[in-house]
Amino acid sequence: MLMIPQDSGSKELVMIDFGLSKGNSTNEAKGVDLYVLERALLSTHSAAPKLFSTILKTYREHNRKNSESAVGKYEEVRARGRKRTMVG
């Protein structure tokens, strides 16, 4: 992520995808990416608990065509991650 200063004095948060995995654009892959991003933000930016929800809201606004499918998969992946954490 980058914070880019704007002429108004505010800053714009810009996400960068370095494409570290295969060029897979399935909803499952997008859901996993969102889950990994959430986990990374929780571990590195714990003082900003609303950061991921803001990112997810913006993701939905800018990807209206397919975002709900990807977010649905994210929620499935997140549930699987919670089960794994509870079981060990």
PDB file of N, CA and C in Angstrom:
ATOM      1  N   MET A   1       0.833  -1.170   0.000  1.00  0.00           N
ATOM      2  CA  MET A   1       0.000   0.000   0.000  1.00  0.00           C
ATOM      3  C   MET A   1       0.882   1.239   0.000  1.00  0.00           C
ATOM      4  N   LEU A   2       0.384   2.252  -0.628  1.00  0.00           N
ATOM      5  CA  LEU A   2       1.069   3.543  -0.656  1.00  0.00           C
ATOM      6  C   LEU A   2       0.097   4.640  -0.245  1.00  0.00           C
ATOM      7  N   MET A   3       0.596   5.603   0.468  1.00  0.00           N
ATOM      8  CA  MET A   3      -0.172   6.806   0.780  1.00  0.00           C
ATOM      9  C   MET A   3       0.325   7.886  -0.175  1.00  0.00           C
ATOM     10  N   ILE A   4      -0.560   8.399  -1.013  1.00  0.00           N
ATOM     11  CA  ILE A   4      -0.177   9.403  -2.004  1.00  0.00           C
ATOM     12  C   ILE A   4      -0.777  10.745  -1.609  1.00  0.00           C
ATOM     13  N   PRO A   5       0.070  11.759  -1.387  1.00  0.00           N
ATOM     14  CA  PRO A   5      -0.447  13.094  -1.039  1.00  0.00           C
ATOM     15  C   PRO A   5      -1.278  13.671  -2.183  1.00  0.00           C
ATOM     16  N   GLN A   6      -2.371  14.328  -1.836  1.00  0.00           N
ATOM     17  CA  GLN A   6      -3.239  14.970  -2.812  1.00  0.00           C
ATOM     18  C   GLN A   6      -3.061  16.484  -2.714  1.00  0.00           C
ATOM     19  N   ASP A   7      -3.459  17.199  -3.756  1.00  0.00           N
ATOM     20  CA  ASP A   7      -3.360  18.669  -3.763  1.00  0.00           C
ATOM     21  C   ASP A   7      -4.136  19.298  -2.606  1.00  0.00           C
ATOM     22  N   SER A   8      -5.195  18.632  -2.174  1.00  0.00           N
ATOM     23  CA  SER A   8      -6.037  19.169  -1.102  1.00  0.00           C
ATOM     24  C   SER A   8      -5.386  19.037   0.276  1.00  0.00           C
ATOM     25  N   GLY A   9      -4.244  18.342   0.338  1.00  0.00           N
ATOM     26  CA  GLY A   9      -3.572  18.122   1.613  1.00  0.00           C
ATOM     27  C   GLY A   9      -3.902  16.771   2.225  1.00  0.00           C
ATOM     28  N   SER A  10      -4.947  16.118   1.711  1.00  0.00           N
ATOM     29  CA  SER A  10      -5.285  14.783   2.202  1.00  0.00           C
ATOM     30  C   SER A  10      -4.361  13.757   1.536  1.00  0.00           C
ATOM     31  N   LYS A  11      -4.509  12.516   1.923  1.00  0.00           N
ATOM     32  CA  LYS A  11      -3.706  11.444   1.328  1.00  0.00           C
ATOM     33  C   LYS A  11      -4.634  10.362   0.790  1.00  0.00           C
ATOM     34  N   GLU A  12      -4.229   9.770  -0.309  1.00  0.00           N
ATOM     35  CA  GLU A  12      -4.998   8.697  -0.931  1.00  0.00           C
ATOM     36  C   GLU A  12      -4.259   7.380  -0.699  1.00  0.00           C
ATOM     37  N   LEU A  13      -4.996   6.372  -0.218  1.00  0.00           N
ATOM     38  CA  LEU A  13      -4.427   5.045  -0.015  1.00  0.00           C
ATOM     39  C   LEU A  13      -4.554   4.269  -1.318  1.00  0.00           C
ATOM     40  N   VAL A  14      -3.452   3.748  -1.824  1.00  0.00           N
ATOM     41  CA  VAL A  14      -3.442   3.011  -3.081  1.00  0.00           C
ATOM     42  C   VAL A  14      -2.912   1.609  -2.813  1.00  0.00           C
ATOM     43  N   MET A  15      -3.644   0.611  -3.270  1.00  0.00           N
ATOM     44  CA  MET A  15      -3.241  -0.786  -3.110  1.00  0.00           C
ATOM     45  C   MET A  15      -2.394  -1.200  -4.311  1.00  0.00           C
ATOM     46  N   ILE A  16      -1.370  -1.973  -4.056  1.00  0.00           N
ATOM     47  CA  ILE A  16      -0.518  -2.489  -5.120  1.00  0.00           C
ATOM     48  C   ILE A  16      -0.550  -4.009  -5.051  1.00  0.00           C
ATOM     49  N   ASP A  17      -0.853  -4.658  -6.165  1.00  0.00           N
ATOM     50  CA  ASP A  17      -0.845  -6.116  -6.240  1.00  0.00           C
ATOM     51  C   ASP A  17       0.391  -6.522  -7.023  1.00  0.00           C
ATOM     52  N   PHE A  18       1.318  -7.165  -6.340  1.00  0.00           N
ATOM     53  CA  PHE A  18       2.554  -7.561  -6.999  1.00  0.00           C
ATOM     54  C   PHE A  18       2.424  -8.878  -7.752  1.00  0.00           C
ATOM     55  N   GLY A  19       1.259  -9.498  -7.702  1.00  0.00           N
ATOM     56  CA  GLY A  19       1.028 -10.723  -8.454  1.00  0.00           C
ATOM     57  C   GLY A  19       1.978 -11.836  -8.075  1.00  0.00           C
ATOM     58  N   LEU A  20       2.101 -12.099  -6.785  1.00  0.00           N
ATOM     59  CA  LEU A  20       3.046 -13.116  -6.339  1.00  0.00           C
ATOM     60  C   LEU A  20       2.559 -14.536  -6.603  1.00  0.00           C
ATOM     61  N   SER A  21       1.278 -14.684  -6.875  1.00  0.00           N
ATOM     62  CA  SER A  21       0.770 -16.011  -7.204  1.00  0.00           C
ATOM     63  C   SER A  21       0.527 -16.091  -8.702  1.00  0.00           C
ATOM     64  N   LYS A  22      -0.026 -17.199  -9.119  1.00  0.00           N
ATOM     65  CA  LYS A  22      -0.363 -17.356 -10.539  1.00  0.00           C
ATOM     66  C   LYS A  22      -1.401 -16.319 -10.929  1.00  0.00           C
ATOM     67  N   GLY A  23      -1.523 -16.068 -12.191  1.00  0.00           N
ATOM     68  CA  GLY A  23      -2.517 -15.126 -12.689  1.00  0.00           C
ATOM     69  C   GLY A  23      -3.912 -15.717 -12.601  1.00  0.00           C
ATOM     70  N   ASN A  24      -4.344 -16.034 -11.409  1.00  0.00           N
ATOM     71  CA  ASN A  24      -5.612 -16.704 -11.180  1.00  0.00           C
ATOM     72  C   ASN A  24      -6.642 -15.676 -10.739  1.00  0.00           C
ATOM     73  N   SER A  25      -7.685 -15.483 -11.524  1.00  0.00           N
ATOM     74  CA  SER A  25      -8.680 -14.475 -11.183  1.00  0.00           C
ATOM     75  C   SER A  25     -10.003 -15.098 -10.754  1.00  0.00           C
ATOM     76  N   THR A  26      -9.959 -16.350 -10.251  1.00  0.00           N
ATOM     77  CA  THR A  26     -11.194 -16.974  -9.775  1.00  0.00           C
ATOM     78  C   THR A  26     -11.642 -16.298  -8.484  1.00  0.00           C
ATOM     79  N   ASN A  27     -12.899 -16.432  -8.182  1.00  0.00           N
ATOM     80  CA  ASN A  27     -13.408 -15.857  -6.942  1.00  0.00           C
ATOM     81  C   ASN A  27     -12.762 -16.500  -5.724  1.00  0.00           C
ATOM     82  N   GLU A  28     -12.426 -17.777  -5.806  1.00  0.00           N
ATOM     83  CA  GLU A  28     -11.722 -18.441  -4.704  1.00  0.00           C
ATOM     84  C   GLU A  28     -10.370 -17.775  -4.460  1.00  0.00           C
ATOM     85  N   ALA A  29      -9.616 -17.524  -5.524  1.00  0.00           N
ATOM     86  CA  ALA A  29      -8.304 -16.883  -5.385  1.00  0.00           C
ATOM     87  C   ALA A  29      -8.454 -15.466  -4.831  1.00  0.00           C
ATOM     88  N   LYS A  30      -9.462 -14.743  -5.292  1.00  0.00           N
ATOM     89  CA  LYS A  30      -9.694 -13.386  -4.785  1.00  0.00           C
ATOM     90  C   LYS A  30     -10.089 -13.422  -3.321  1.00  0.00           C
ATOM     91  N   GLY A  31     -10.916 -14.408  -2.947  1.00  0.00           N
ATOM     92  CA  GLY A  31     -11.308 -14.563  -1.550  1.00  0.00           C
ATOM     93  C   GLY A  31     -10.117 -14.857  -0.659  1.00  0.00           C
ATOM     94  N   VAL A  32      -9.228 -15.718  -1.133  1.00  0.00           N
ATOM     95  CA  VAL A  32      -8.008 -16.032  -0.378  1.00  0.00           C
ATOM     96  C   VAL A  32      -7.137 -14.789  -0.258  1.00  0.00           C
ATOM     97  N   ASP A  33      -7.002 -14.036  -1.339  1.00  0.00           N
ATOM     98  CA  ASP A  33      -6.211 -12.797  -1.293  1.00  0.00           C
ATOM     99  C   ASP A  33      -6.768 -11.814  -0.265  1.00  0.00           C
ATOM    100  N   LEU A  34      -8.088 -11.668  -0.229  1.00  0.00           N
ATOM    101  CA  LEU A  34      -8.699 -10.770   0.748  1.00  0.00           C
ATOM    102  C   LEU A  34      -8.454 -11.258   2.176  1.00  0.00           C
ATOM    103  N   TYR A  35      -8.535 -12.560   2.367  1.00  0.00           N
ATOM    104  CA  TYR A  35      -8.297 -13.124   3.698  1.00  0.00           C
ATOM    105  C   TYR A  35      -6.847 -12.906   4.133  1.00  0.00           C
ATOM    106  N   VAL A  36      -5.915 -13.141   3.247  1.00  0.00           N
ATOM    107  CA  VAL A  36      -4.494 -12.938   3.561  1.00  0.00           C
ATOM    108  C   VAL A  36      -4.242 -11.465   3.867  1.00  0.00           C
ATOM    109  N   LEU A  37      -4.845 -10.576   3.097  1.00  0.00           N
ATOM    110  CA  LEU A  37      -4.704  -9.143   3.361  1.00  0.00           C
ATOM    111  C   LEU A  37      -5.253  -8.804   4.740  1.00  0.00           C
ATOM    112  N   GLU A  38      -6.420  -9.333   5.076  1.00  0.00           N
ATOM    113  CA  GLU A  38      -7.004  -9.069   6.391  1.00  0.00           C
ATOM    114  C   GLU A  38      -6.065  -9.526   7.510  1.00  0.00           C
ATOM    115  N   ARG A  39      -5.532 -10.732   7.388  1.00  0.00           N
ATOM    116  CA  ARG A  39      -4.635 -11.275   8.414  1.00  0.00           C
ATOM    117  C   ARG A  39      -3.363 -10.432   8.515  1.00  0.00           C
ATOM    118  N   ALA A  40      -2.838 -10.002   7.393  1.00  0.00           N
ATOM    119  CA  ALA A  40      -1.628  -9.179   7.406  1.00  0.00           C
ATOM    120  C   ALA A  40      -1.886  -7.837   8.083  1.00  0.00           C
ATOM    121  N   LEU A  41      -3.011  -7.225   7.769  1.00  0.00           N
ATOM    122  CA  LEU A  41      -3.334  -5.936   8.379  1.00  0.00           C
ATOM    123  C   LEU A  41      -3.568  -6.068   9.877  1.00  0.00           C
ATOM    124  N   LEU A  42      -4.221  -7.154  10.295  1.00  0.00           N
ATOM    125  CA  LEU A  42      -4.450  -7.364  11.722  1.00  0.00           C
ATOM    126  C   LEU A  42      -3.134  -7.520  12.481  1.00  0.00           C
ATOM    127  N   SER A  43      -2.174  -8.162  11.856  1.00  0.00           N
ATOM    128  CA  SER A  43      -0.902  -8.393  12.550  1.00  0.00           C
ATOM    129  C   SER A  43       0.034  -7.183  12.501  1.00  0.00           C
ATOM    130  N   THR A  44      -0.100  -6.340  11.485  1.00  0.00           N
ATOM    131  CA  THR A  44       0.841  -5.219  11.344  1.00  0.00           C
ATOM    132  C   THR A  44       0.241  -3.856  11.676  1.00  0.00           C
ATOM    133  N   HIS A  45      -1.084  -3.763  11.656  1.00  0.00           N
ATOM    134  CA  HIS A  45      -1.743  -2.479  11.898  1.00  0.00           C
ATOM    135  C   HIS A  45      -2.872  -2.650  12.919  1.00  0.00           C
ATOM    136  N   SER A  46      -2.566  -3.272  14.021  1.00  0.00           N
ATOM    137  CA  SER A  46      -3.595  -3.549  15.026  1.00  0.00           C
ATOM    138  C   SER A  46      -4.196  -2.267  15.615  1.00  0.00           C
ATOM    139  N   ALA A  47      -3.498  -1.160  15.503  1.00  0.00           N
ATOM    140  CA  ALA A  47      -4.010   0.118  16.011  1.00  0.00           C
ATOM    141  C   ALA A  47      -5.049   0.733  15.068  1.00  0.00           C
ATOM    142  N   ALA A  48      -5.258   0.112  13.917  1.00  0.00           N
ATOM    143  CA  ALA A  48      -6.239   0.618  12.940  1.00  0.00           C
ATOM    144  C   ALA A  48      -7.247  -0.490  12.632  1.00  0.00           C
ATOM    145  N   PRO A  49      -8.119  -0.810  13.606  1.00  0.00           N
ATOM    146  CA  PRO A  49      -9.024  -1.949  13.434  1.00  0.00           C
ATOM    147  C   PRO A  49     -10.040  -1.798  12.304  1.00  0.00           C
ATOM    148  N   LYS A  50     -10.316  -0.577  11.870  1.00  0.00           N
ATOM    149  CA  LYS A  50     -11.304  -0.362  10.808  1.00  0.00           C
ATOM    150  C   LYS A  50     -10.678  -0.338   9.418  1.00  0.00           C
ATOM    151  N   LEU A  51      -9.369  -0.494   9.335  1.00  0.00           N
ATOM    152  CA  LEU A  51      -8.683  -0.389   8.047  1.00  0.00           C
ATOM    153  C   LEU A  51      -9.193  -1.414   7.042  1.00  0.00           C
ATOM    154  N   PHE A  52      -9.286  -2.673   7.439  1.00  0.00           N
ATOM    155  CA  PHE A  52      -9.723  -3.698   6.481  1.00  0.00           C
ATOM    156  C   PHE A  52     -11.168  -3.490   6.065  1.00  0.00           C
ATOM    157  N   SER A  53     -12.041  -3.113   6.990  1.00  0.00           N
ATOM    158  CA  SER A  53     -13.442  -2.887   6.608  1.00  0.00           C
ATOM    159  C   SER A  53     -13.553  -1.730   5.620  1.00  0.00           C
ATOM    160  N   THR A  54     -12.700  -0.732   5.774  1.00  0.00           N
ATOM    161  CA  THR A  54     -12.675   0.389   4.821  1.00  0.00           C
ATOM    162  C   THR A  54     -12.190  -0.089   3.455  1.00  0.00           C
ATOM    163  N   ILE A  55     -11.165  -0.913   3.451  1.00  0.00           N
ATOM    164  CA  ILE A  55     -10.653  -1.467   2.189  1.00  0.00           C
ATOM    165  C   ILE A  55     -11.721  -2.320   1.520  1.00  0.00           C
ATOM    166  N   LEU A  56     -12.404  -3.159   2.306  1.00  0.00           N
ATOM    167  CA  LEU A  56     -13.445  -4.026   1.756  1.00  0.00           C
ATOM    168  C   LEU A  56     -14.606  -3.200   1.190  1.00  0.00           C
ATOM    169  N   LYS A  57     -14.987  -2.137   1.859  1.00  0.00           N
ATOM    170  CA  LYS A  57     -16.053  -1.245   1.377  1.00  0.00           C
ATOM    171  C   LYS A  57     -15.649  -0.610   0.045  1.00  0.00           C
ATOM    172  N   THR A  58     -14.421  -0.136  -0.015  1.00  0.00           N
ATOM    173  CA  THR A  58     -13.927   0.492  -1.241  1.00  0.00           C
ATOM    174  C   THR A  58     -13.803  -0.529  -2.366  1.00  0.00           C
ATOM    175  N   TYR A  59     -13.374  -1.743  -2.030  1.00  0.00           N
ATOM    176  CA  TYR A  59     -13.288  -2.833  -3.013  1.00  0.00           C
ATOM    177  C   TYR A  59     -14.666  -3.073  -3.637  1.00  0.00           C
ATOM    178  N   ARG A  60     -15.694  -3.115  -2.797  1.00  0.00           N
ATOM    179  CA  ARG A  60     -17.055  -3.324  -3.300  1.00  0.00           C
ATOM    180  C   ARG A  60     -17.496  -2.171  -4.200  1.00  0.00           C
ATOM    181  N   GLU A  61     -17.178  -0.948  -3.809  1.00  0.00           N
ATOM    182  CA  GLU A  61     -17.585   0.224  -4.588  1.00  0.00           C
ATOM    183  C   GLU A  61     -16.929   0.265  -5.964  1.00  0.00           C
ATOM    184  N   HIS A  62     -15.673  -0.158  -6.047  1.00  0.00           N
ATOM    185  CA  HIS A  62     -14.924  -0.050  -7.306  1.00  0.00           C
ATOM    186  C   HIS A  62     -14.956  -1.320  -8.141  1.00  0.00           C
ATOM    187  N   ASN A  63     -15.506  -2.395  -7.604  1.00  0.00           N
ATOM    188  CA  ASN A  63     -15.595  -3.657  -8.343  1.00  0.00           C
ATOM    189  C   ASN A  63     -17.021  -4.190  -8.248  1.00  0.00           C
ATOM    190  N   ARG A  64     -17.969  -3.360  -8.615  1.00  0.00           N
ATOM    191  CA  ARG A  64     -19.382  -3.725  -8.457  1.00  0.00           C
ATOM    192  C   ARG A  64     -19.767  -4.979  -9.219  1.00  0.00           C
ATOM    193  N   LYS A  65     -19.125  -5.225 -10.323  1.00  0.00           N
ATOM    194  CA  LYS A  65     -19.514  -6.345 -11.183  1.00  0.00           C
ATOM    195  C   LYS A  65     -19.293  -7.698 -10.504  1.00  0.00           C
ATOM    196  N   ASN A  66     -18.143  -7.907  -9.879  1.00  0.00           N
ATOM    197  CA  ASN A  66     -17.818  -9.225  -9.328  1.00  0.00           C
ATOM    198  C   ASN A  66     -17.495  -9.231  -7.844  1.00  0.00           C
ATOM    199  N   SER A  67     -17.582  -8.099  -7.195  1.00  0.00           N
ATOM    200  CA  SER A  67     -17.104  -8.036  -5.812  1.00  0.00           C
ATOM    201  C   SER A  67     -17.905  -8.912  -4.861  1.00  0.00           C
ATOM    202  N   GLU A  68     -19.203  -9.012  -5.042  1.00  0.00           N
ATOM    203  CA  GLU A  68     -19.997  -9.792  -4.091  1.00  0.00           C
ATOM    204  C   GLU A  68     -19.625 -11.272  -4.120  1.00  0.00           C
ATOM    205  N   SER A  69     -19.314 -11.797  -5.291  1.00  0.00           N
ATOM    206  CA  SER A  69     -18.866 -13.196  -5.379  1.00  0.00           C
ATOM    207  C   SER A  69     -17.533 -13.384  -4.680  1.00  0.00           C
ATOM    208  N   ALA A  70     -16.616 -12.456  -4.898  1.00  0.00           N
ATOM    209  CA  ALA A  70     -15.301 -12.544  -4.271  1.00  0.00           C
ATOM    210  C   ALA A  70     -15.399 -12.376  -2.759  1.00  0.00           C
ATOM    211  N   VAL A  71     -16.234 -11.449  -2.317  1.00  0.00           N
ATOM    212  CA  VAL A  71     -16.402 -11.229  -0.877  1.00  0.00           C
ATOM    213  C   VAL A  71     -17.083 -12.444  -0.245  1.00  0.00           C
ATOM    214  N   GLY A  72     -18.009 -13.058  -0.955  1.00  0.00           N
ATOM    215  CA  GLY A  72     -18.625 -14.294  -0.463  1.00  0.00           C
ATOM    216  C   GLY A  72     -17.589 -15.387  -0.266  1.00  0.00           C
ATOM    217  N   LYS A  73     -16.690 -15.523  -1.222  1.00  0.00           N
ATOM    218  CA  LYS A  73     -15.615 -16.518  -1.096  1.00  0.00           C
ATOM    219  C   LYS A  73     -14.687 -16.150   0.047  1.00  0.00           C
ATOM    220  N   TYR A  74     -14.387 -14.860   0.205  1.00  0.00           N
ATOM    221  CA  TYR A  74     -13.565 -14.405   1.334  1.00  0.00           C
ATOM    222  C   TYR A  74     -14.195 -14.860   2.647  1.00  0.00           C
ATOM    223  N   GLU A  75     -15.508 -14.687   2.783  1.00  0.00           N
ATOM    224  CA  GLU A  75     -16.185 -15.082   4.015  1.00  0.00           C
ATOM    225  C   GLU A  75     -16.100 -16.590   4.232  1.00  0.00           C
ATOM    226  N   GLU A  76     -16.180 -17.384   3.148  1.00  0.00           N
ATOM    227  CA  GLU A  76     -16.012 -18.839   3.257  1.00  0.00           C
ATOM    228  C   GLU A  76     -14.588 -19.182   3.703  1.00  0.00           C
ATOM    229  N   VAL A  77     -13.611 -18.550   3.085  1.00  0.00           N
ATOM    230  CA  VAL A  77     -12.205 -18.794   3.428  1.00  0.00           C
ATOM    231  C   VAL A  77     -11.948 -18.398   4.877  1.00  0.00           C
ATOM    232  N   ARG A  78     -12.498 -17.283   5.282  1.00  0.00           N
ATOM    233  CA  ARG A  78     -12.335 -16.802   6.657  1.00  0.00           C
ATOM    234  C   ARG A  78     -12.919 -17.806   7.650  1.00  0.00           C
ATOM    235  N   ALA A  79     -14.072 -18.371   7.336  1.00  0.00           N
ATOM    236  CA  ALA A  79     -14.696 -19.373   8.194  1.00  0.00           C
ATOM    237  C   ALA A  79     -13.810 -20.615   8.286  1.00  0.00           C
ATOM    238  N   ARG A  80     -13.225 -21.018   7.162  1.00  0.00           N
ATOM    239  CA  ARG A  80     -12.319 -22.181   7.190  1.00  0.00           C
ATOM    240  C   ARG A  80     -11.104 -21.888   8.058  1.00  0.00           C
ATOM    241  N   GLY A  81     -10.579 -20.655   7.958  1.00  0.00           N
ATOM    242  CA  GLY A  81      -9.424 -20.266   8.760  1.00  0.00           C
ATOM    243  C   GLY A  81      -9.740 -20.288  10.247  1.00  0.00           C
ATOM    244  N   ARG A  82     -10.920 -19.843  10.615  1.00  0.00           N
ATOM    245  CA  ARG A  82     -11.331 -19.865  12.020  1.00  0.00           C
ATOM    246  C   ARG A  82     -11.442 -21.279  12.538  1.00  0.00           C
ATOM    247  N   LYS A  83     -12.020 -22.179  11.725  1.00  0.00           N
ATOM    248  CA  LYS A  83     -12.137 -23.585  12.148  1.00  0.00           C
ATOM    249  C   LYS A  83     -10.755 -24.172  12.379  1.00  0.00           C
ATOM    250  N   ARG A  84      -9.817 -23.877  11.483  1.00  0.00           N
ATOM    251  CA  ARG A  84      -8.462 -24.399  11.608  1.00  0.00           C
ATOM    252  C   ARG A  84      -7.810 -23.883  12.880  1.00  0.00           C
ATOM    253  N   THR A  85      -8.032 -22.611  13.211  1.00  0.00           N
ATOM    254  CA  THR A  85      -7.467 -22.020  14.410  1.00  0.00           C
ATOM    255  C   THR A  85      -8.049 -22.654  15.664  1.00  0.00           C
ATOM    256  N   MET A  86      -9.339 -22.955  15.648  1.00  0.00           N
ATOM    257  CA  MET A  86      -9.998 -23.543  16.804  1.00  0.00           C
ATOM    258  C   MET A  86      -9.554 -24.987  17.024  1.00  0.00           C
ATOM    259  N   VAL A  87      -9.352 -25.731  15.942  1.00  0.00           N
ATOM    260  CA  VAL A  87      -8.997 -27.148  16.031  1.00  0.00           C
ATOM    261  C   VAL A  87      -7.522 -27.325  16.328  1.00  0.00           C
ATOM    262  N   GLY A  88      -6.701 -26.473  15.810  1.00  0.00           N
ATOM    263  CA  GLY A  88      -5.272 -26.584  16.085  1.00  0.00           C
ATOM    264  C   GLY A  88      -4.517 -26.578  14.877  1.00  0.00           C
TER     265      GLY A  88
END
